[in-house]
Each structure stands twice: as structure tokens, then as C-alpha cells.
Amino acid sequence: MPSERQGAVAGLIATMQGVALVVTPVVSTALYGISRSLPFACLAALLCVLAVFFVLPSFLVARRDWH
């Protein structure tokens, strides 16, 4: 990454951390109000989606390089 963009990326990361600290408890409380297990189910689903998002591309690249 070019050095002139590093400050912008660092600011974006810090902003997303702050937003997550505000939004996550609100959303989790709302989900908990619907069902006690719903926040955990949503988190599990999110982790599965992220795992596929990050693991699948590297798996496809490794498979392509193998053939």
C-alpha cells in the first residue's frame, strides 16, 4: 500500500472499531429481546459467512496452482 494512503486506512480502521463498539450492543440487545439464543445464532451465521469469504478464495487459488 502506498505510504500516502496508510493514514486514510488507519483512520478507517479506527472508525470501524468505534462504530462496532456502539452498534453491536444495540443490535445484540434487540436480538436478545426477540429470542435469547438469536444473538448467538446470528453471530454463528456471520462467522460462517466470513469463513467462506476468506477461506474459499485462498482454497481456489491453491487448487488452481496445484493443477
C-alpha atoms as a PDB file:
ATOM      1  CA  MET A   1       0.000   0.000   0.000  1.00  0.00           C
ATOM      2  CA  PRO A   2       1.370   3.441  -0.875  1.00  0.00           C
ATOM      3  CA  SER A   3       2.534   5.436   2.117  1.00  0.00           C
ATOM      4  CA  GLU A   4       0.198   8.341   1.286  1.00  0.00           C
ATOM      5  CA  ARG A   5      -2.834   6.033   1.760  1.00  0.00           C
ATOM      6  CA  GLN A   6      -1.731   4.463   5.060  1.00  0.00           C
ATOM      7  CA  GLY A   7      -3.147   7.285   7.174  1.00  0.00           C
ATOM      8  CA  ALA A   8      -6.539   7.029   5.498  1.00  0.00           C
ATOM      9  CA  VAL A   9      -6.642   3.267   6.005  1.00  0.00           C
ATOM     10  CA  ALA A  10      -5.636   3.598   9.665  1.00  0.00           C
ATOM     11  CA  GLY A  11      -8.391   6.177  10.167  1.00  0.00           C
ATOM     12  CA  LEU A  12     -10.939   3.907   8.521  1.00  0.00           C
ATOM     13  CA  ILE A  13      -9.952   1.004  10.759  1.00  0.00           C
ATOM     14  CA  ALA A  14     -10.242   3.164  13.893  1.00  0.00           C
ATOM     15  CA  THR A  15     -13.636   4.452  12.738  1.00  0.00           C
ATOM     16  CA  MET A  16     -14.977   0.938  12.152  1.00  0.00           C
ATOM     17  CA  GLN A  17     -13.840  -0.125  15.628  1.00  0.00           C
ATOM     18  CA  GLY A  18     -15.710   2.806  17.157  1.00  0.00           C
ATOM     19  CA  VAL A  19     -18.838   2.094  15.137  1.00  0.00           C
ATOM     20  CA  ALA A  20     -18.729  -1.564  16.174  1.00  0.00           C
ATOM     21  CA  LEU A  21     -18.482  -0.583  19.848  1.00  0.00           C
ATOM     22  CA  VAL A  22     -21.689   1.446  19.505  1.00  0.00           C
ATOM     23  CA  VAL A  23     -23.736  -0.683  17.097  1.00  0.00           C
ATOM     24  CA  THR A  24     -23.001  -4.181  18.383  1.00  0.00           C
ATOM     25  CA  PRO A  25     -24.572  -3.832  21.861  1.00  0.00           C
ATOM     26  CA  VAL A  26     -27.681  -2.180  20.404  1.00  0.00           C
ATOM     27  CA  VAL A  27     -28.200  -4.901  17.802  1.00  0.00           C
ATOM     28  CA  SER A  28     -27.408  -7.687  20.260  1.00  0.00           C
ATOM     29  CA  THR A  29     -29.882  -6.328  22.799  1.00  0.00           C
ATOM     30  CA  ALA A  30     -32.597  -6.064  20.153  1.00  0.00           C
ATOM     31  CA  LEU A  31     -31.952  -9.636  19.017  1.00  0.00           C
ATOM     32  CA  TYR A  32     -31.925 -10.851  22.631  1.00  0.00           C
ATOM     33  CA  GLY A  33     -35.322  -9.204  23.111  1.00  0.00           C
ATOM     34  CA  ILE A  34     -36.699 -11.356  20.300  1.00  0.00           C
ATOM     35  CA  SER A  35     -35.108 -14.603  21.454  1.00  0.00           C
ATOM     36  CA  ARG A  36     -32.402 -15.397  23.994  1.00  0.00           C
ATOM     37  CA  SER A  37     -30.437 -17.509  21.522  1.00  0.00           C
ATOM     38  CA  LEU A  38     -30.836 -15.242  18.482  1.00  0.00           C
ATOM     39  CA  PRO A  39     -27.682 -13.138  19.068  1.00  0.00           C
ATOM     40  CA  PHE A  40     -25.591 -16.313  19.225  1.00  0.00           C
ATOM     41  CA  ALA A  41     -27.237 -17.787  16.126  1.00  0.00           C
ATOM     42  CA  CYS A  42     -26.621 -14.565  14.180  1.00  0.00           C
ATOM     43  CA  LEU A  43     -23.001 -14.490  15.304  1.00  0.00           C
ATOM     44  CA  ALA A  44     -22.517 -18.112  14.246  1.00  0.00           C
ATOM     45  CA  ALA A  45     -24.047 -17.355  10.837  1.00  0.00           C
ATOM     46  CA  LEU A  46     -21.829 -14.271  10.433  1.00  0.00           C
ATOM     47  CA  LEU A  47     -18.713 -16.272  11.313  1.00  0.00           C
ATOM     48  CA  CYS A  48     -19.649 -18.947   8.758  1.00  0.00           C
ATOM     49  CA  VAL A  49     -20.132 -16.317   6.052  1.00  0.00           C
ATOM     50  CA  LEU A  50     -16.792 -14.692   6.915  1.00  0.00           C
ATOM     51  CA  ALA A  51     -15.040 -18.065   6.943  1.00  0.00           C
ATOM     52  CA  VAL A  52     -16.331 -18.815   3.445  1.00  0.00           C
ATOM     53  CA  PHE A  53     -15.454 -15.291   2.314  1.00  0.00           C
ATOM     54  CA  PHE A  54     -11.839 -15.603   3.492  1.00  0.00           C
ATOM     55  CA  VAL A  55     -11.116 -19.314   3.110  1.00  0.00           C
ATOM     56  CA  LEU A  56     -12.751 -20.047  -0.244  1.00  0.00           C
ATOM     57  CA  PRO A  57     -10.630 -17.627  -2.338  1.00  0.00           C
ATOM     58  CA  SER A  58      -7.376 -18.974  -0.887  1.00  0.00           C
ATOM     59  CA  PHE A  59      -8.605 -22.533  -1.440  1.00  0.00           C
ATOM     60  CA  LEU A  60      -9.416 -21.771  -5.077  1.00  0.00           C
ATOM     61  CA  VAL A  61      -6.013 -20.171  -5.640  1.00  0.00           C
ATOM     62  CA  ALA A  62      -4.230 -23.126  -4.061  1.00  0.00           C
ATOM     63  CA  ARG A  63      -6.267 -25.543  -6.166  1.00  0.00           C
ATOM     64  CA  ARG A  64      -5.544 -23.583  -9.354  1.00  0.00           C
ATOM     65  CA  ASP A  65      -1.801 -23.568  -8.571  1.00  0.00           C
ATOM     66  CA  TRP A  66      -1.868 -27.294  -7.871  1.00  0.00           C
ATOM     67  CA  HIS A  67      -3.134 -28.236 -11.338  1.00  0.00           C
END
